[in-house]
Amino acid sequence: MAGRVLPAVRPEKPKPPPPAPPAAPTPSQVSRSFSTWRTGDRVRWQRYVGMFLRETVDGEAELLIGKRTYRVPPSELRPA
């Protein structure tokens, strides 16, 4: 009985290195939409006057009007 015939092994081609991850944007490329509002500033939203609390992670502004806190788009804010 003859021995088994093994398949020929071909050398693998070298794989190219994976692409580098994208670089983080420099601080000059990041735009800030809340540059005019600081915590405690009086702002007008619609017909109400309130106090600017903070900017949220998703790009909205938090306002305190009376005892309630509202999340609104910053484009709707005006100085009081």
PDB file of N, CA and C in Angstrom:
ATOM      1  N   MET A   1       0.843  -1.163   0.000  1.00  0.00           N
ATOM      2  CA  MET A   1       0.000   0.000   0.000  1.00  0.00           C
ATOM      3  C   MET A   1       0.893   1.232   0.000  1.00  0.00           C
ATOM      4  N   ALA A   2       0.616   2.115  -0.902  1.00  0.00           N
ATOM      5  CA  ALA A   2       1.443   3.302  -1.050  1.00  0.00           C
ATOM      6  C   ALA A   2       1.045   4.333  -0.007  1.00  0.00           C
ATOM      7  N   GLY A   3       1.982   5.235   0.290  1.00  0.00           N
ATOM      8  CA  GLY A   3       1.690   6.299   1.268  1.00  0.00           C
ATOM      9  C   GLY A   3       0.742   7.347   0.695  1.00  0.00           C
ATOM     10  N   ARG A   4       0.229   8.202   1.580  1.00  0.00           N
ATOM     11  CA  ARG A   4      -0.707   9.245   1.132  1.00  0.00           C
ATOM     12  C   ARG A   4       0.052  10.352   0.429  1.00  0.00           C
ATOM     13  N   VAL A   5      -0.586  10.958  -0.524  1.00  0.00           N
ATOM     14  CA  VAL A   5       0.000  12.081  -1.245  1.00  0.00           C
ATOM     15  C   VAL A   5      -0.546  13.354  -0.607  1.00  0.00           C
ATOM     16  N   LEU A   6       0.342  14.160  -0.064  1.00  0.00           N
ATOM     17  CA  LEU A   6      -0.061  15.408   0.581  1.00  0.00           C
ATOM     18  C   LEU A   6      -0.166  16.526  -0.449  1.00  0.00           C
ATOM     19  N   PRO A   7      -1.113  17.433  -0.253  1.00  0.00           N
ATOM     20  CA  PRO A   7      -1.216  18.540  -1.211  1.00  0.00           C
ATOM     21  C   PRO A   7      -0.005  19.460  -1.094  1.00  0.00           C
ATOM     22  N   ALA A   8       0.319  20.081  -2.182  1.00  0.00           N
ATOM     23  CA  ALA A   8       1.452  21.008  -2.190  1.00  0.00           C
ATOM     24  C   ALA A   8       1.093  22.256  -1.405  1.00  0.00           C
ATOM     25  N   VAL A   9       2.018  22.736  -0.624  1.00  0.00           N
ATOM     26  CA  VAL A   9       1.786  23.941   0.167  1.00  0.00           C
ATOM     27  C   VAL A   9       2.422  25.110  -0.557  1.00  0.00           C
ATOM     28  N   ARG A  10       1.597  26.099  -0.845  1.00  0.00           N
ATOM     29  CA  ARG A  10       2.109  27.283  -1.520  1.00  0.00           C
ATOM     30  C   ARG A  10       2.407  28.355  -0.478  1.00  0.00           C
ATOM     31  N   PRO A  11       3.480  29.070  -0.640  1.00  0.00           N
ATOM     32  CA  PRO A  11       3.773  30.139   0.330  1.00  0.00           C
ATOM     33  C   PRO A  11       2.727  31.256   0.220  1.00  0.00           C
ATOM     34  N   GLU A  12       2.326  31.783   1.376  1.00  0.00           N
ATOM     35  CA  GLU A  12       1.314  32.853   1.388  1.00  0.00           C
ATOM     36  C   GLU A  12       1.939  34.170   0.943  1.00  0.00           C
ATOM     37  N   LYS A  13       1.124  34.951   0.254  1.00  0.00           N
ATOM     38  CA  LYS A  13       1.582  36.274  -0.147  1.00  0.00           C
ATOM     39  C   LYS A  13       1.555  37.183   1.079  1.00  0.00           C
ATOM     40  N   PRO A  14       2.500  38.090   1.201  1.00  0.00           N
ATOM     41  CA  PRO A  14       2.466  38.999   2.361  1.00  0.00           C
ATOM     42  C   PRO A  14       1.263  39.932   2.261  1.00  0.00           C
ATOM     43  N   LYS A  15       0.563  40.096   3.386  1.00  0.00           N
ATOM     44  CA  LYS A  15      -0.620  40.949   3.406  1.00  0.00           C
ATOM     45  C   LYS A  15      -0.198  42.383   3.697  1.00  0.00           C
ATOM     46  N   PRO A  16      -0.853  43.340   3.051  1.00  0.00           N
ATOM     47  CA  PRO A  16      -0.515  44.736   3.350  1.00  0.00           C
ATOM     48  C   PRO A  16      -0.982  45.086   4.770  1.00  0.00           C
ATOM     49  N   PRO A  17      -0.302  45.991   5.428  1.00  0.00           N
ATOM     50  CA  PRO A  17      -0.707  46.362   6.787  1.00  0.00           C
ATOM     51  C   PRO A  17      -2.074  47.059   6.764  1.00  0.00           C
ATOM     52  N   PRO A  18      -2.848  46.937   7.836  1.00  0.00           N
ATOM     53  CA  PRO A  18      -4.158  47.596   7.856  1.00  0.00           C
ATOM     54  C   PRO A  18      -3.999  49.113   7.840  1.00  0.00           C
ATOM     55  N   PRO A  19      -4.978  49.815   7.290  1.00  0.00           N
ATOM     56  CA  PRO A  19      -4.862  51.277   7.225  1.00  0.00           C
ATOM     57  C   PRO A  19      -4.880  51.877   8.636  1.00  0.00           C
ATOM     58  N   ALA A  20      -4.205  52.981   8.778  1.00  0.00           N
ATOM     59  CA  ALA A  20      -4.143  53.663  10.073  1.00  0.00           C
ATOM     60  C   ALA A  20      -5.500  54.290  10.389  1.00  0.00           C
ATOM     61  N   PRO A  21      -5.872  54.370  11.664  1.00  0.00           N
ATOM     62  CA  PRO A  21      -7.151  55.011  12.004  1.00  0.00           C
ATOM     63  C   PRO A  21      -7.097  56.504  11.684  1.00  0.00           C
ATOM     64  N   PRO A  22      -8.240  57.105  11.414  1.00  0.00           N
ATOM     65  CA  PRO A  22      -8.231  58.536  11.087  1.00  0.00           C
ATOM     66  C   PRO A  22      -7.762  59.361  12.284  1.00  0.00           C
ATOM     67  N   ALA A  23      -7.074  60.416  11.987  1.00  0.00           N
ATOM     68  CA  ALA A  23      -6.552  61.279  13.042  1.00  0.00           C
ATOM     69  C   ALA A  23      -7.682  62.089  13.666  1.00  0.00           C
ATOM     70  N   ALA A  24      -7.532  62.394  14.942  1.00  0.00           N
ATOM     71  CA  ALA A  24      -8.529  63.213  15.638  1.00  0.00           C
ATOM     72  C   ALA A  24      -8.455  64.644  15.111  1.00  0.00           C
ATOM     73  N   PRO A  25      -9.580  65.338  15.044  1.00  0.00           N
ATOM     74  CA  PRO A  25      -9.535  66.720  14.540  1.00  0.00           C
ATOM     75  C   PRO A  25      -8.765  67.620  15.496  1.00  0.00           C
ATOM     76  N   THR A  26      -8.072  68.545  14.929  1.00  0.00           N
ATOM     77  CA  THR A  26      -7.344  69.495  15.762  1.00  0.00           C
ATOM     78  C   THR A  26      -8.327  70.462  16.407  1.00  0.00           C
ATOM     79  N   PRO A  27      -7.955  71.097  17.512  1.00  0.00           N
ATOM     80  CA  PRO A  27      -8.893  72.011  18.171  1.00  0.00           C
ATOM     81  C   PRO A  27      -9.391  73.133  17.270  1.00  0.00           C
ATOM     82  N   SER A  28      -8.623  73.533  16.278  1.00  0.00           N
ATOM     83  CA  SER A  28      -9.070  74.607  15.397  1.00  0.00           C
ATOM     84  C   SER A  28     -10.176  74.125  14.450  1.00  0.00           C
ATOM     85  N   GLN A  29     -10.273  72.794  14.217  1.00  0.00           N
ATOM     86  CA  GLN A  29     -11.293  72.260  13.325  1.00  0.00           C
ATOM     87  C   GLN A  29     -12.623  72.056  14.033  1.00  0.00           C
ATOM     88  N   VAL A  30     -12.619  71.988  15.353  1.00  0.00           N
ATOM     89  CA  VAL A  30     -13.842  71.756  16.119  1.00  0.00           C
ATOM     90  C   VAL A  30     -14.546  73.085  16.321  1.00  0.00           C
ATOM     91  N   SER A  31     -15.802  73.151  15.899  1.00  0.00           N
ATOM     92  CA  SER A  31     -16.542  74.400  16.054  1.00  0.00           C
ATOM     93  C   SER A  31     -17.391  74.331  17.314  1.00  0.00           C
ATOM     94  N   ARG A  32     -17.512  75.433  18.004  1.00  0.00           N
ATOM     95  CA  ARG A  32     -18.317  75.505  19.210  1.00  0.00           C
ATOM     96  C   ARG A  32     -19.515  76.388  18.922  1.00  0.00           C
ATOM     97  N   SER A  33     -20.692  75.862  19.215  1.00  0.00           N
ATOM     98  CA  SER A  33     -21.907  76.609  18.939  1.00  0.00           C
ATOM     99  C   SER A  33     -22.363  77.423  20.143  1.00  0.00           C
ATOM    100  N   PHE A  34     -21.733  77.238  21.300  1.00  0.00           N
ATOM    101  CA  PHE A  34     -22.161  77.910  22.511  1.00  0.00           C
ATOM    102  C   PHE A  34     -21.139  78.943  22.970  1.00  0.00           C
ATOM    103  N   SER A  35     -20.384  79.503  22.062  1.00  0.00           N
ATOM    104  CA  SER A  35     -19.307  80.406  22.460  1.00  0.00           C
ATOM    105  C   SER A  35     -19.836  81.676  23.126  1.00  0.00           C
ATOM    106  N   THR A  36     -21.101  82.052  22.874  1.00  0.00           N
ATOM    107  CA  THR A  36     -21.619  83.285  23.460  1.00  0.00           C
ATOM    108  C   THR A  36     -22.338  83.053  24.777  1.00  0.00           C
ATOM    109  N   TRP A  37     -22.712  81.809  25.106  1.00  0.00           N
ATOM    110  CA  TRP A  37     -23.485  81.551  26.317  1.00  0.00           C
ATOM    111  C   TRP A  37     -22.612  80.926  27.387  1.00  0.00           C
ATOM    112  N   ARG A  38     -22.719  81.480  28.589  1.00  0.00           N
ATOM    113  CA  ARG A  38     -22.029  80.922  29.738  1.00  0.00           C
ATOM    114  C   ARG A  38     -23.068  80.570  30.795  1.00  0.00           C
ATOM    115  N   THR A  39     -22.714  79.699  31.705  1.00  0.00           N
ATOM    116  CA  THR A  39     -23.632  79.316  32.772  1.00  0.00           C
ATOM    117  C   THR A  39     -24.053  80.552  33.558  1.00  0.00           C
ATOM    118  N   GLY A  40     -25.349  80.708  33.732  1.00  0.00           N
ATOM    119  CA  GLY A  40     -25.883  81.848  34.469  1.00  0.00           C
ATOM    120  C   GLY A  40     -26.331  82.999  33.600  1.00  0.00           C
ATOM    121  N   ASP A  41     -26.029  82.981  32.312  1.00  0.00           N
ATOM    122  CA  ASP A  41     -26.459  84.062  31.410  1.00  0.00           C
ATOM    123  C   ASP A  41     -27.979  84.051  31.271  1.00  0.00           C
ATOM    124  N   ARG A  42     -28.565  85.237  31.230  1.00  0.00           N
ATOM    125  CA  ARG A  42     -30.002  85.354  30.977  1.00  0.00           C
ATOM    126  C   ARG A  42     -30.231  85.270  29.482  1.00  0.00           C
ATOM    127  N   VAL A  43     -31.137  84.390  29.098  1.00  0.00           N
ATOM    128  CA  VAL A  43     -31.442  84.176  27.680  1.00  0.00           C
ATOM    129  C   VAL A  43     -32.941  84.249  27.472  1.00  0.00           C
ATOM    130  N   ARG A  44     -33.329  84.528  26.232  1.00  0.00           N
ATOM    131  CA  ARG A  44     -34.738  84.552  25.858  1.00  0.00           C
ATOM    132  C   ARG A  44     -34.972  83.400  24.890  1.00  0.00           C
ATOM    133  N   TRP A  45     -36.013  82.606  25.201  1.00  0.00           N
ATOM    134  CA  TRP A  45     -36.413  81.508  24.332  1.00  0.00           C
ATOM    135  C   TRP A  45     -37.907  81.652  24.103  1.00  0.00           C
ATOM    136  N   GLN A  46     -38.295  81.776  22.859  1.00  0.00           N
ATOM    137  CA  GLN A  46     -39.668  82.085  22.470  1.00  0.00           C
ATOM    138  C   GLN A  46     -40.075  83.375  23.186  1.00  0.00           C
ATOM    139  N   ARG A  47     -41.054  83.350  24.058  1.00  0.00           N
ATOM    140  CA  ARG A  47     -41.424  84.584  24.762  1.00  0.00           C
ATOM    141  C   ARG A  47     -41.015  84.544  26.229  1.00  0.00           C
ATOM    142  N   TYR A  48     -40.195  83.556  26.616  1.00  0.00           N
ATOM    143  CA  TYR A  48     -39.803  83.367  28.011  1.00  0.00           C
ATOM    144  C   TYR A  48     -38.365  83.797  28.237  1.00  0.00           C
ATOM    145  N   VAL A  49     -38.089  84.279  29.448  1.00  0.00           N
ATOM    146  CA  VAL A  49     -36.733  84.639  29.854  1.00  0.00           C
ATOM    147  C   VAL A  49     -36.300  83.634  30.903  1.00  0.00           C
ATOM    148  N   GLY A  50     -35.106  83.091  30.740  1.00  0.00           N
ATOM    149  CA  GLY A  50     -34.598  82.111  31.689  1.00  0.00           C
ATOM    150  C   GLY A  50     -33.098  82.228  31.832  1.00  0.00           C
ATOM    151  N   MET A  51     -32.499  81.206  32.441  1.00  0.00           N
ATOM    152  CA  MET A  51     -31.067  81.193  32.708  1.00  0.00           C
ATOM    153  C   MET A  51     -30.442  80.009  31.970  1.00  0.00           C
ATOM    154  N   PHE A  52     -29.345  80.283  31.276  1.00  0.00           N
ATOM    155  CA  PHE A  52     -28.615  79.228  30.572  1.00  0.00           C
ATOM    156  C   PHE A  52     -27.905  78.376  31.612  1.00  0.00           C
ATOM    157  N   LEU A  53     -28.105  77.042  31.538  1.00  0.00           N
ATOM    158  CA  LEU A  53     -27.453  76.148  32.488  1.00  0.00           C
ATOM    159  C   LEU A  53     -26.191  75.518  31.911  1.00  0.00           C
ATOM    160  N   ARG A  54     -26.350  74.825  30.777  1.00  0.00           N
ATOM    161  CA  ARG A  54     -25.195  74.134  30.205  1.00  0.00           C
ATOM    162  C   ARG A  54     -25.513  73.694  28.788  1.00  0.00           C
ATOM    163  N   GLU A  55     -24.461  73.275  28.089  1.00  0.00           N
ATOM    164  CA  GLU A  55     -24.636  72.662  26.784  1.00  0.00           C
ATOM    165  C   GLU A  55     -24.615  71.152  26.969  1.00  0.00           C
ATOM    166  N   THR A  56     -25.428  70.456  26.217  1.00  0.00           N
ATOM    167  CA  THR A  56     -25.483  69.005  26.327  1.00  0.00           C
ATOM    168  C   THR A  56     -24.566  68.363  25.297  1.00  0.00           C
ATOM    169  N   VAL A  57     -24.342  67.078  25.463  1.00  0.00           N
ATOM    170  CA  VAL A  57     -23.461  66.344  24.555  1.00  0.00           C
ATOM    171  C   VAL A  57     -24.034  66.282  23.145  1.00  0.00           C
ATOM    172  N   ASP A  58     -25.365  66.234  23.046  1.00  0.00           N
ATOM    173  CA  ASP A  58     -25.986  66.129  21.726  1.00  0.00           C
ATOM    174  C   ASP A  58     -26.235  67.468  21.061  1.00  0.00           C
ATOM    175  N   GLY A  59     -25.635  68.543  21.583  1.00  0.00           N
ATOM    176  CA  GLY A  59     -25.688  69.833  20.895  1.00  0.00           C
ATOM    177  C   GLY A  59     -26.861  70.708  21.253  1.00  0.00           C
ATOM    178  N   GLU A  60     -27.572  70.431  22.322  1.00  0.00           N
ATOM    179  CA  GLU A  60     -28.682  71.284  22.734  1.00  0.00           C
ATOM    180  C   GLU A  60     -28.274  72.111  23.942  1.00  0.00           C
ATOM    181  N   ALA A  61     -29.106  73.072  24.273  1.00  0.00           N
ATOM    182  CA  ALA A  61     -28.858  73.938  25.422  1.00  0.00           C
ATOM    183  C   ALA A  61     -29.888  73.627  26.500  1.00  0.00           C
ATOM    184  N   GLU A  62     -29.451  73.648  27.747  1.00  0.00           N
ATOM    185  CA  GLU A  62     -30.381  73.474  28.857  1.00  0.00           C
ATOM    186  C   GLU A  62     -30.655  74.833  29.475  1.00  0.00           C
ATOM    187  N   LEU A  63     -31.946  75.138  29.639  1.00  0.00           N
ATOM    188  CA  LEU A  63     -32.380  76.409  30.211  1.00  0.00           C
ATOM    189  C   LEU A  63     -33.190  76.153  31.466  1.00  0.00           C
ATOM    190  N   LEU A  64     -33.094  77.062  32.410  1.00  0.00           N
ATOM    191  CA  LEU A  64     -33.942  77.025  33.591  1.00  0.00           C
ATOM    192  C   LEU A  64     -34.922  78.176  33.473  1.00  0.00           C
ATOM    193  N   ILE A  65     -36.206  77.837  33.339  1.00  0.00           N
ATOM    194  CA  ILE A  65     -37.262  78.841  33.255  1.00  0.00           C
ATOM    195  C   ILE A  65     -38.247  78.504  34.369  1.00  0.00           C
ATOM    196  N   GLY A  66     -38.289  79.354  35.380  1.00  0.00           N
ATOM    197  CA  GLY A  66     -39.102  79.057  36.552  1.00  0.00           C
ATOM    198  C   GLY A  66     -38.491  77.896  37.300  1.00  0.00           C
ATOM    199  N   LYS A  67     -39.279  76.838  37.512  1.00  0.00           N
ATOM    200  CA  LYS A  67     -38.777  75.648  38.189  1.00  0.00           C
ATOM    201  C   LYS A  67     -38.486  74.512  37.221  1.00  0.00           C
ATOM    202  N   ARG A  68     -38.652  74.772  35.948  1.00  0.00           N
ATOM    203  CA  ARG A  68     -38.478  73.721  34.943  1.00  0.00           C
ATOM    204  C   ARG A  68     -37.196  73.909  34.146  1.00  0.00           C
ATOM    205  N   THR A  69     -36.652  72.778  33.716  1.00  0.00           N
ATOM    206  CA  THR A  69     -35.470  72.778  32.858  1.00  0.00           C
ATOM    207  C   THR A  69     -35.896  72.351  31.463  1.00  0.00           C
ATOM    208  N   TYR A  70     -35.508  73.119  30.461  1.00  0.00           N
ATOM    209  CA  TYR A  70     -35.860  72.848  29.068  1.00  0.00           C
ATOM    210  C   TYR A  70     -34.597  72.579  28.275  1.00  0.00           C
ATOM    211  N   ARG A  71     -34.701  71.667  27.298  1.00  0.00           N
ATOM    212  CA  ARG A  71     -33.612  71.415  26.349  1.00  0.00           C
ATOM    213  C   ARG A  71     -34.063  71.935  24.995  1.00  0.00           C
ATOM    214  N   VAL A  72     -33.344  72.914  24.478  1.00  0.00           N
ATOM    215  CA  VAL A  72     -33.745  73.570  23.235  1.00  0.00           C
ATOM    216  C   VAL A  72     -32.543  73.678  22.297  1.00  0.00           C
ATOM    217  N   PRO A  73     -32.790  73.822  20.997  1.00  0.00           N
ATOM    218  CA  PRO A  73     -31.686  74.070  20.062  1.00  0.00           C
ATOM    219  C   PRO A  73     -31.074  75.445  20.329  1.00  0.00           C
ATOM    220  N   PRO A  74     -29.776  75.563  20.249  1.00  0.00           N
ATOM    221  CA  PRO A  74     -29.129  76.855  20.539  1.00  0.00           C
ATOM    222  C   PRO A  74     -29.499  77.946  19.536  1.00  0.00           C
ATOM    223  N   SER A  75     -29.957  77.579  18.358  1.00  0.00           N
ATOM    224  CA  SER A  75     -30.322  78.593  17.370  1.00  0.00           C
ATOM    225  C   SER A  75     -31.567  79.369  17.789  1.00  0.00           C
ATOM    226  N   GLU A  76     -32.349  78.851  18.728  1.00  0.00           N
ATOM    227  CA  GLU A  76     -33.563  79.523  19.179  1.00  0.00           C
ATOM    228  C   GLU A  76     -33.321  80.480  20.336  1.00  0.00           C
ATOM    229  N   LEU A  77     -32.102  80.554  20.844  1.00  0.00           N
ATOM    230  CA  LEU A  77     -31.795  81.406  21.991  1.00  0.00           C
ATOM    231  C   LEU A  77     -31.421  82.813  21.547  1.00  0.00           C
ATOM    232  N   ARG A  78     -31.864  83.786  22.339  1.00  0.00           N
ATOM    233  CA  ARG A  78     -31.520  85.198  22.127  1.00  0.00           C
ATOM    234  C   ARG A  78     -31.083  85.771  23.462  1.00  0.00           C
ATOM    235  N   PRO A  79     -30.263  86.794  23.459  1.00  0.00           N
ATOM    236  CA  PRO A  79     -29.902  87.437  24.733  1.00  0.00           C
ATOM    237  C   PRO A  79     -31.108  88.135  25.337  1.00  0.00           C
ATOM    238  N   ALA A  80     -31.199  88.099  26.667  1.00  0.00           N
ATOM    239  CA  ALA A  80     -32.332  88.736  27.344  1.00  0.00           C
ATOM    240  C   ALA A  80     -31.998  90.164  27.728  1.00  0.00           C
TER     241      ALA A  80
END
